[in-house]
N, C-alpha and C. Protein backbone atom coordinates (compact mmCIF):
# COMPACT_ATOMS: atom_id res chain seq x y z
N MET A 1 148.98 56.41 -11.05
CA MET A 1 149.29 55.02 -10.76
C MET A 1 148.41 54.14 -11.63
N ASP A 2 149.03 53.20 -12.32
CA ASP A 2 148.29 52.31 -13.21
C ASP A 2 147.57 51.20 -12.46
N ASP A 3 148.20 50.65 -11.43
CA ASP A 3 147.64 49.49 -10.74
C ASP A 3 147.09 49.90 -9.37
N ARG A 4 146.09 50.76 -9.37
CA ARG A 4 145.50 51.26 -8.13
C ARG A 4 144.93 50.14 -7.27
N GLU A 5 144.24 49.21 -7.89
CA GLU A 5 143.59 48.12 -7.15
C GLU A 5 144.61 47.32 -6.34
N ASN A 6 145.72 46.96 -6.96
CA ASN A 6 146.75 46.19 -6.27
C ASN A 6 147.41 47.03 -5.17
N ALA A 7 147.61 48.31 -5.42
CA ALA A 7 148.21 49.19 -4.42
C ALA A 7 147.32 49.29 -3.19
N VAL A 8 146.04 49.50 -3.40
CA VAL A 8 145.10 49.60 -2.28
C VAL A 8 145.06 48.28 -1.51
N LYS A 9 145.04 47.18 -2.22
CA LYS A 9 145.03 45.86 -1.57
C LYS A 9 146.27 45.69 -0.70
N HIS A 10 147.42 46.03 -1.25
CA HIS A 10 148.66 45.90 -0.48
C HIS A 10 148.63 46.79 0.77
N LEU A 11 148.22 48.04 0.61
CA LEU A 11 148.17 48.96 1.73
C LEU A 11 147.24 48.46 2.83
N ARG A 12 146.13 47.85 2.45
CA ARG A 12 145.14 47.38 3.43
C ARG A 12 145.55 46.04 4.07
N GLU A 13 146.18 45.15 3.32
CA GLU A 13 146.38 43.79 3.79
C GLU A 13 147.81 43.45 4.22
N HIS A 14 148.79 44.19 3.74
CA HIS A 14 150.18 43.78 3.97
C HIS A 14 151.08 44.82 4.64
N GLN A 15 150.61 46.03 4.78
CA GLN A 15 151.44 47.08 5.35
C GLN A 15 151.18 47.20 6.85
N ASN A 16 152.25 47.41 7.61
CA ASN A 16 152.12 47.65 9.05
C ASN A 16 152.03 49.14 9.32
N TYR A 17 151.19 49.50 10.27
CA TYR A 17 151.00 50.90 10.65
C TYR A 17 151.18 51.02 12.16
N PRO A 18 151.61 52.19 12.62
CA PRO A 18 151.90 53.40 11.86
C PRO A 18 153.16 53.23 11.02
N ALA A 19 153.23 54.04 9.96
CA ALA A 19 154.37 54.00 9.06
C ALA A 19 154.66 55.41 8.56
N THR A 20 155.94 55.71 8.45
CA THR A 20 156.33 57.01 7.90
C THR A 20 156.30 56.95 6.38
N ARG A 21 156.37 58.10 5.77
CA ARG A 21 156.44 58.17 4.31
C ARG A 21 157.64 57.35 3.81
N ASP A 22 158.78 57.53 4.46
CA ASP A 22 159.99 56.82 4.02
C ASP A 22 159.83 55.31 4.14
N GLU A 23 159.19 54.85 5.20
CA GLU A 23 158.96 53.40 5.36
C GLU A 23 158.02 52.88 4.27
N LEU A 24 156.98 53.64 3.96
CA LEU A 24 156.04 53.22 2.92
C LEU A 24 156.70 53.18 1.55
N VAL A 25 157.52 54.18 1.26
CA VAL A 25 158.21 54.22 -0.03
C VAL A 25 159.21 53.06 -0.13
N ALA A 26 159.94 52.78 0.95
CA ALA A 26 160.90 51.67 0.94
C ALA A 26 160.18 50.35 0.71
N GLU A 27 159.06 50.16 1.38
CA GLU A 27 158.27 48.94 1.19
C GLU A 27 157.81 48.81 -0.25
N CYS A 28 157.30 49.89 -0.79
CA CYS A 28 156.83 49.89 -2.19
C CYS A 28 157.97 49.54 -3.14
N ASN A 29 159.12 50.12 -2.92
CA ASN A 29 160.27 49.88 -3.80
C ASN A 29 160.75 48.43 -3.76
N ASN A 30 160.43 47.70 -2.70
CA ASN A 30 160.83 46.31 -2.58
C ASN A 30 159.82 45.32 -3.17
N LEU A 31 158.70 45.82 -3.64
CA LEU A 31 157.66 44.93 -4.17
C LEU A 31 157.93 44.61 -5.64
N SER A 32 157.95 43.33 -5.94
CA SER A 32 158.23 42.92 -7.31
C SER A 32 157.01 43.00 -8.23
N ASP A 33 155.82 43.10 -7.65
CA ASP A 33 154.63 43.10 -8.50
C ASP A 33 154.15 44.51 -8.86
N PHE A 34 154.97 45.53 -8.61
CA PHE A 34 154.65 46.89 -9.03
C PHE A 34 155.67 47.34 -10.06
N SER A 35 155.19 48.06 -11.06
CA SER A 35 156.08 48.55 -12.11
C SER A 35 156.96 49.67 -11.57
N GLU A 36 158.06 49.91 -12.23
CA GLU A 36 158.94 51.02 -11.85
C GLU A 36 158.19 52.34 -11.96
N LYS A 37 157.32 52.44 -12.94
CA LYS A 37 156.51 53.65 -13.12
C LYS A 37 155.61 53.88 -11.91
N ASP A 38 154.94 52.84 -11.42
CA ASP A 38 154.07 52.98 -10.26
C ASP A 38 154.87 53.26 -8.99
N LYS A 39 156.03 52.64 -8.85
CA LYS A 39 156.89 52.91 -7.70
C LYS A 39 157.32 54.37 -7.68
N ARG A 40 157.69 54.89 -8.84
CA ARG A 40 158.11 56.29 -8.95
C ARG A 40 156.94 57.22 -8.63
N TRP A 41 155.74 56.90 -9.16
CA TRP A 41 154.56 57.71 -8.89
C TRP A 41 154.27 57.75 -7.39
N PHE A 42 154.31 56.60 -6.74
CA PHE A 42 154.05 56.51 -5.30
C PHE A 42 155.03 57.40 -4.54
N SER A 43 156.30 57.29 -4.86
CA SER A 43 157.34 58.06 -4.19
C SER A 43 157.16 59.56 -4.42
N GLU A 44 156.80 59.95 -5.61
CA GLU A 44 156.67 61.36 -5.95
C GLU A 44 155.38 62.00 -5.41
N ASN A 45 154.38 61.19 -5.10
CA ASN A 45 153.07 61.74 -4.73
C ASN A 45 152.68 61.57 -3.27
N LEU A 46 153.37 60.73 -2.52
CA LEU A 46 153.02 60.54 -1.12
C LEU A 46 153.62 61.66 -0.27
N PRO A 47 152.78 62.46 0.38
CA PRO A 47 153.30 63.55 1.21
C PRO A 47 154.03 63.03 2.44
N GLU A 48 154.94 63.86 2.97
CA GLU A 48 155.63 63.54 4.22
C GLU A 48 154.59 63.36 5.32
N GLY A 49 154.89 62.48 6.26
CA GLY A 49 154.01 62.32 7.40
C GLY A 49 154.09 60.92 7.97
N ILE A 50 153.34 60.72 9.03
CA ILE A 50 153.20 59.41 9.65
C ILE A 50 151.76 58.98 9.41
N TYR A 51 151.60 57.81 8.86
CA TYR A 51 150.28 57.29 8.49
C TYR A 51 149.90 56.18 9.45
N ASN A 52 148.70 56.30 10.00
CA ASN A 52 148.22 55.35 11.00
C ASN A 52 147.34 54.26 10.42
N SER A 53 147.00 54.37 9.15
CA SER A 53 146.13 53.36 8.54
C SER A 53 146.24 53.42 7.02
N ALA A 54 145.77 52.36 6.39
CA ALA A 54 145.73 52.33 4.93
C ALA A 54 144.85 53.45 4.41
N ASP A 55 143.74 53.71 5.09
CA ASP A 55 142.83 54.76 4.64
C ASP A 55 143.51 56.12 4.57
N GLU A 56 144.40 56.40 5.51
CA GLU A 56 145.13 57.66 5.49
C GLU A 56 146.03 57.76 4.26
N VAL A 57 146.70 56.67 3.92
CA VAL A 57 147.58 56.65 2.73
C VAL A 57 146.74 56.77 1.48
N ILE A 58 145.68 56.02 1.40
CA ILE A 58 144.79 56.03 0.22
C ILE A 58 144.22 57.43 0.01
N SER A 59 143.83 58.07 1.08
CA SER A 59 143.29 59.42 0.99
C SER A 59 144.36 60.41 0.54
N ALA A 60 145.57 60.31 1.12
CA ALA A 60 146.66 61.22 0.77
C ALA A 60 147.02 61.11 -0.71
N LEU A 61 146.88 59.91 -1.26
CA LEU A 61 147.22 59.68 -2.67
C LEU A 61 146.01 59.77 -3.60
N ASP A 62 144.83 60.01 -3.03
CA ASP A 62 143.58 60.06 -3.79
C ASP A 62 143.40 58.81 -4.64
N LEU A 63 143.55 57.65 -3.98
CA LEU A 63 143.42 56.37 -4.67
C LEU A 63 142.01 55.76 -4.56
N GLN A 64 141.06 56.50 -4.00
CA GLN A 64 139.71 55.95 -3.81
C GLN A 64 139.11 55.60 -5.15
């Protein structure tokens, strides 16, 4: 992911939890400030599951 800082900010400040992988991917795909490349990376790298916090998503994607 090229824009890690913006992704982490969005996950922490704008995403509602709990959220499934599909909900997170759908939200990401609707964001105009992310490149198609980053959207594809997010979709391809986020494991299936239910995420209860931004930290869980960040950890799953190794975005620290």
